[in-house]
Amino acid sequence: LQGKKVDGFALHSTLDIDKSLNISRLETNPMHALDKIDAQLKVSLSKELLDVISRQTKAMIALMIFTPKDVNGKQVYSVELKDGTLKVNGKSILK
């Protein structure tokens, strides 16, 4: 890809934290925060950029486990944390 222009990425996120979250309780149990935080993250990558990223050893495993959705020629990851459940592209990975 040297000398070639590569489309980049788009990122959109939201984060809501319940006001009842007890910060001092997180020291003893960080998992307490999971049901107090709602977050959404959507990352849209060009195929060329994802190809460059996929060549990195650390990224290879994650890309094998979490495959992106193809949306209008872009590779899209949707990550959601809601009610203590973490999902990537609709697949629950933490409950």
N, C-alpha and C. Protein backbone atom coordinates (compact mmCIF):
# COMPACT_ATOMS: atom_id res chain seq x y z
N LEU A 1 0.80 -1.21 0.00
CA LEU A 1 0.00 0.00 0.00
C LEU A 1 0.85 1.27 0.00
N GLN A 2 2.13 1.13 -0.18
CA GLN A 2 2.98 2.31 -0.17
C GLN A 2 2.60 3.23 -1.32
N GLY A 3 2.42 4.49 -0.99
CA GLY A 3 2.10 5.49 -2.00
C GLY A 3 0.65 5.48 -2.44
N LYS A 4 -0.14 4.54 -1.93
CA LYS A 4 -1.55 4.44 -2.32
C LYS A 4 -2.42 5.05 -1.23
N LYS A 5 -3.43 5.81 -1.65
CA LYS A 5 -4.37 6.36 -0.68
C LYS A 5 -5.29 5.25 -0.19
N VAL A 6 -5.53 5.25 1.11
CA VAL A 6 -6.39 4.26 1.73
C VAL A 6 -7.52 4.99 2.44
N ASP A 7 -8.76 4.58 2.16
CA ASP A 7 -9.87 5.15 2.92
C ASP A 7 -9.66 4.83 4.39
N GLY A 8 -10.14 5.67 5.23
CA GLY A 8 -9.93 5.52 6.66
C GLY A 8 -11.06 4.82 7.37
N PHE A 9 -11.53 5.47 8.41
CA PHE A 9 -12.56 4.87 9.24
C PHE A 9 -13.49 5.95 9.78
N ALA A 10 -14.63 5.49 10.26
CA ALA A 10 -15.58 6.38 10.94
C ALA A 10 -15.87 5.75 12.30
N LEU A 11 -16.05 6.59 13.29
CA LEU A 11 -16.28 6.13 14.65
C LEU A 11 -17.42 6.93 15.26
N HIS A 12 -18.36 6.22 15.87
CA HIS A 12 -19.46 6.88 16.57
C HIS A 12 -19.65 6.15 17.89
N SER A 13 -19.80 6.90 18.97
CA SER A 13 -19.99 6.25 20.27
C SER A 13 -20.89 7.08 21.17
N THR A 14 -21.53 6.37 22.09
CA THR A 14 -22.31 7.01 23.14
C THR A 14 -21.97 6.29 24.45
N LEU A 15 -22.06 7.02 25.55
CA LEU A 15 -21.76 6.46 26.86
C LEU A 15 -22.69 7.10 27.88
N ASP A 16 -23.41 6.27 28.61
CA ASP A 16 -24.28 6.73 29.69
C ASP A 16 -23.90 5.99 30.96
N ILE A 17 -23.67 6.74 32.04
CA ILE A 17 -23.32 6.15 33.33
C ILE A 17 -24.43 6.47 34.32
N ASP A 18 -24.95 5.44 34.95
CA ASP A 18 -26.01 5.59 35.96
C ASP A 18 -25.45 6.40 37.13
N LYS A 19 -26.19 7.40 37.55
CA LYS A 19 -25.74 8.27 38.64
C LYS A 19 -25.61 7.52 39.95
N SER A 20 -26.24 6.35 40.07
CA SER A 20 -26.16 5.59 41.32
C SER A 20 -24.88 4.76 41.43
N LEU A 21 -24.01 4.81 40.42
CA LEU A 21 -22.77 4.05 40.44
C LEU A 21 -21.91 4.50 41.62
N ASN A 22 -21.56 3.57 42.48
CA ASN A 22 -20.75 3.85 43.66
C ASN A 22 -19.28 3.64 43.29
N ILE A 23 -18.56 4.71 43.07
CA ILE A 23 -17.17 4.66 42.62
C ILE A 23 -16.29 3.92 43.63
N SER A 24 -16.50 4.12 44.91
CA SER A 24 -15.66 3.47 45.92
C SER A 24 -15.84 1.95 45.90
N ARG A 25 -16.99 1.48 45.49
CA ARG A 25 -17.24 0.03 45.41
C ARG A 25 -16.43 -0.62 44.28
N LEU A 26 -16.06 0.17 43.29
CA LEU A 26 -15.31 -0.37 42.15
C LEU A 26 -13.91 -0.84 42.54
N GLU A 27 -13.37 -0.29 43.63
CA GLU A 27 -12.04 -0.72 44.08
C GLU A 27 -12.05 -2.19 44.46
N THR A 28 -13.12 -2.65 45.06
CA THR A 28 -13.20 -4.06 45.47
C THR A 28 -13.80 -4.95 44.40
N ASN A 29 -14.64 -4.39 43.53
CA ASN A 29 -15.28 -5.19 42.49
C ASN A 29 -15.54 -4.33 41.25
N PRO A 30 -14.56 -4.26 40.35
CA PRO A 30 -14.73 -3.44 39.13
C PRO A 30 -15.90 -3.90 38.25
N MET A 31 -16.28 -5.15 38.36
CA MET A 31 -17.39 -5.67 37.55
C MET A 31 -18.72 -5.03 37.95
N HIS A 32 -18.78 -4.41 39.12
CA HIS A 32 -19.98 -3.72 39.57
C HIS A 32 -20.42 -2.64 38.57
N ALA A 33 -19.48 -2.10 37.84
CA ALA A 33 -19.78 -1.02 36.91
C ALA A 33 -20.54 -1.50 35.68
N LEU A 34 -20.43 -2.78 35.34
CA LEU A 34 -21.01 -3.26 34.09
C LEU A 34 -22.50 -3.00 33.95
N ASP A 35 -23.25 -3.19 35.04
CA ASP A 35 -24.70 -2.96 34.92
C ASP A 35 -25.08 -1.50 35.12
N LYS A 36 -24.10 -0.65 35.37
CA LYS A 36 -24.36 0.78 35.57
C LYS A 36 -23.94 1.63 34.37
N ILE A 37 -23.36 0.97 33.37
CA ILE A 37 -22.88 1.69 32.19
C ILE A 37 -23.55 1.15 30.94
N ASP A 38 -24.08 2.03 30.13
CA ASP A 38 -24.58 1.68 28.80
C ASP A 38 -23.68 2.39 27.79
N ALA A 39 -23.15 1.62 26.87
CA ALA A 39 -22.25 2.20 25.88
C ALA A 39 -22.49 1.55 24.53
N GLN A 40 -22.35 2.34 23.49
CA GLN A 40 -22.44 1.84 22.12
C GLN A 40 -21.27 2.42 21.34
N LEU A 41 -20.67 1.56 20.54
CA LEU A 41 -19.55 1.97 19.71
C LEU A 41 -19.74 1.34 18.34
N LYS A 42 -19.63 2.15 17.31
CA LYS A 42 -19.73 1.66 15.94
C LYS A 42 -18.49 2.14 15.19
N VAL A 43 -17.73 1.18 14.67
CA VAL A 43 -16.52 1.49 13.92
C VAL A 43 -16.71 0.95 12.51
N SER A 44 -16.52 1.81 11.54
CA SER A 44 -16.63 1.45 10.14
C SER A 44 -15.27 1.66 9.49
N LEU A 45 -14.71 0.58 8.93
CA LEU A 45 -13.37 0.62 8.34
C LEU A 45 -13.43 0.31 6.86
N SER A 46 -12.55 0.92 6.10
CA SER A 46 -12.43 0.52 4.70
C SER A 46 -11.79 -0.87 4.66
N LYS A 47 -12.06 -1.61 3.57
CA LYS A 47 -11.48 -2.94 3.43
C LYS A 47 -9.96 -2.86 3.42
N GLU A 48 -9.42 -1.83 2.78
CA GLU A 48 -7.96 -1.67 2.71
C GLU A 48 -7.35 -1.46 4.10
N LEU A 49 -8.00 -0.63 4.91
CA LEU A 49 -7.48 -0.37 6.25
C LEU A 49 -7.58 -1.63 7.10
N LEU A 50 -8.69 -2.35 7.01
CA LEU A 50 -8.83 -3.59 7.77
C LEU A 50 -7.77 -4.60 7.34
N ASP A 51 -7.43 -4.62 6.07
CA ASP A 51 -6.39 -5.51 5.57
C ASP A 51 -5.04 -5.17 6.21
N VAL A 52 -4.73 -3.89 6.31
CA VAL A 52 -3.48 -3.46 6.95
C VAL A 52 -3.48 -3.87 8.42
N ILE A 53 -4.59 -3.63 9.10
CA ILE A 53 -4.69 -3.98 10.53
C ILE A 53 -4.56 -5.49 10.72
N SER A 54 -5.19 -6.26 9.84
CA SER A 54 -5.20 -7.72 10.00
C SER A 54 -3.82 -8.35 9.86
N ARG A 55 -2.86 -7.63 9.34
CA ARG A 55 -1.49 -8.14 9.23
C ARG A 55 -0.73 -8.07 10.54
N GLN A 56 -1.29 -7.35 11.50
CA GLN A 56 -0.64 -7.23 12.81
C GLN A 56 -0.97 -8.47 13.64
N THR A 57 0.06 -9.10 14.19
CA THR A 57 -0.10 -10.34 14.94
C THR A 57 -1.14 -10.21 16.06
N LYS A 58 -1.10 -9.14 16.80
CA LYS A 58 -2.03 -8.97 17.92
C LYS A 58 -3.48 -8.84 17.44
N ALA A 59 -3.68 -8.34 16.26
CA ALA A 59 -5.04 -8.15 15.74
C ALA A 59 -5.60 -9.40 15.10
N MET A 60 -4.74 -10.30 14.64
CA MET A 60 -5.20 -11.48 13.90
C MET A 60 -6.21 -12.31 14.68
N ILE A 61 -5.93 -12.58 15.95
CA ILE A 61 -6.82 -13.41 16.76
C ILE A 61 -8.17 -12.72 16.95
N ALA A 62 -8.14 -11.44 17.29
CA ALA A 62 -9.38 -10.71 17.49
C ALA A 62 -10.21 -10.69 16.21
N LEU A 63 -9.58 -10.53 15.07
CA LEU A 63 -10.30 -10.49 13.80
C LEU A 63 -10.86 -11.86 13.42
N MET A 64 -10.22 -12.93 13.90
CA MET A 64 -10.77 -14.26 13.67
C MET A 64 -12.00 -14.51 14.53
N ILE A 65 -11.98 -13.99 15.74
CA ILE A 65 -13.10 -14.19 16.67
C ILE A 65 -14.26 -13.26 16.33
N PHE A 66 -13.95 -12.01 16.06
CA PHE A 66 -14.97 -11.00 15.79
C PHE A 66 -14.89 -10.56 14.34
N THR A 67 -15.71 -11.16 13.52
CA THR A 67 -15.70 -10.79 12.10
C THR A 67 -16.62 -9.60 11.88
N PRO A 68 -16.19 -8.68 11.05
CA PRO A 68 -17.02 -7.49 10.81
C PRO A 68 -18.19 -7.81 9.88
N LYS A 69 -19.17 -6.93 9.91
CA LYS A 69 -20.28 -7.00 8.95
C LYS A 69 -19.92 -6.12 7.77
N ASP A 70 -20.26 -6.57 6.58
CA ASP A 70 -20.03 -5.77 5.38
C ASP A 70 -21.26 -4.90 5.16
N VAL A 71 -21.09 -3.59 5.24
CA VAL A 71 -22.19 -2.65 5.05
C VAL A 71 -21.74 -1.64 3.99
N ASN A 72 -22.33 -1.73 2.82
CA ASN A 72 -22.00 -0.83 1.72
C ASN A 72 -20.50 -0.76 1.43
N GLY A 73 -19.85 -1.91 1.44
CA GLY A 73 -18.43 -1.96 1.13
C GLY A 73 -17.50 -1.61 2.28
N LYS A 74 -18.05 -1.25 3.43
CA LYS A 74 -17.25 -0.95 4.62
C LYS A 74 -17.35 -2.12 5.59
N GLN A 75 -16.30 -2.30 6.38
CA GLN A 75 -16.28 -3.36 7.39
C GLN A 75 -16.68 -2.72 8.72
N VAL A 76 -17.80 -3.19 9.30
CA VAL A 76 -18.40 -2.52 10.44
C VAL A 76 -18.41 -3.42 11.67
N TYR A 77 -17.99 -2.83 12.78
CA TYR A 77 -18.09 -3.47 14.09
C TYR A 77 -19.03 -2.63 14.95
N SER A 78 -20.01 -3.30 15.56
CA SER A 78 -20.89 -2.64 16.51
C SER A 78 -20.67 -3.29 17.87
N VAL A 79 -20.28 -2.49 18.85
CA VAL A 79 -20.02 -2.98 20.19
C VAL A 79 -21.02 -2.32 21.12
N GLU A 80 -21.67 -3.14 21.96
CA GLU A 80 -22.69 -2.61 22.86
C GLU A 80 -22.50 -3.19 24.26
N LEU A 81 -22.53 -2.33 25.27
CA LEU A 81 -22.55 -2.74 26.67
C LEU A 81 -23.85 -2.23 27.24
N LYS A 82 -24.72 -3.16 27.64
CA LYS A 82 -26.02 -2.77 28.16
C LYS A 82 -26.48 -3.82 29.16
N ASP A 83 -26.93 -3.36 30.31
CA ASP A 83 -27.43 -4.25 31.36
C ASP A 83 -26.41 -5.34 31.72
N GLY A 84 -25.14 -4.99 31.71
CA GLY A 84 -24.10 -5.93 32.09
C GLY A 84 -23.70 -6.91 31.01
N THR A 85 -24.27 -6.78 29.82
CA THR A 85 -23.96 -7.69 28.72
C THR A 85 -23.16 -6.94 27.66
N LEU A 86 -22.06 -7.55 27.23
CA LEU A 86 -21.23 -6.99 26.17
C LEU A 86 -21.46 -7.79 24.90
N LYS A 87 -21.79 -7.08 23.83
CA LYS A 87 -22.04 -7.73 22.54
C LYS A 87 -21.17 -7.09 21.47
N VAL A 88 -20.69 -7.92 20.55
CA VAL A 88 -19.99 -7.46 19.37
C VAL A 88 -20.77 -7.96 18.16
N ASN A 89 -21.25 -7.03 17.35
CA ASN A 89 -22.08 -7.36 16.19
C ASN A 89 -23.24 -8.27 16.57
N GLY A 90 -23.84 -7.99 17.72
CA GLY A 90 -25.02 -8.73 18.16
C GLY A 90 -24.71 -10.02 18.89
N LYS A 91 -23.44 -10.45 18.91
CA LYS A 91 -23.06 -11.70 19.57
C LYS A 91 -22.59 -11.40 20.99
N SER A 92 -23.24 -12.03 21.97
CA SER A 92 -22.90 -11.81 23.37
C SER A 92 -21.54 -12.44 23.68
N ILE A 93 -20.65 -11.63 24.29
CA ILE A 93 -19.35 -12.16 24.66
C ILE A 93 -19.08 -12.05 26.15
N LEU A 94 -19.93 -11.31 26.87
CA LEU A 94 -19.77 -11.17 28.32
C LEU A 94 -21.14 -10.95 28.91
N LYS A 95 -21.49 -11.75 29.89
CA LYS A 95 -22.79 -11.59 30.56
C LYS A 95 -22.57 -11.65 32.03
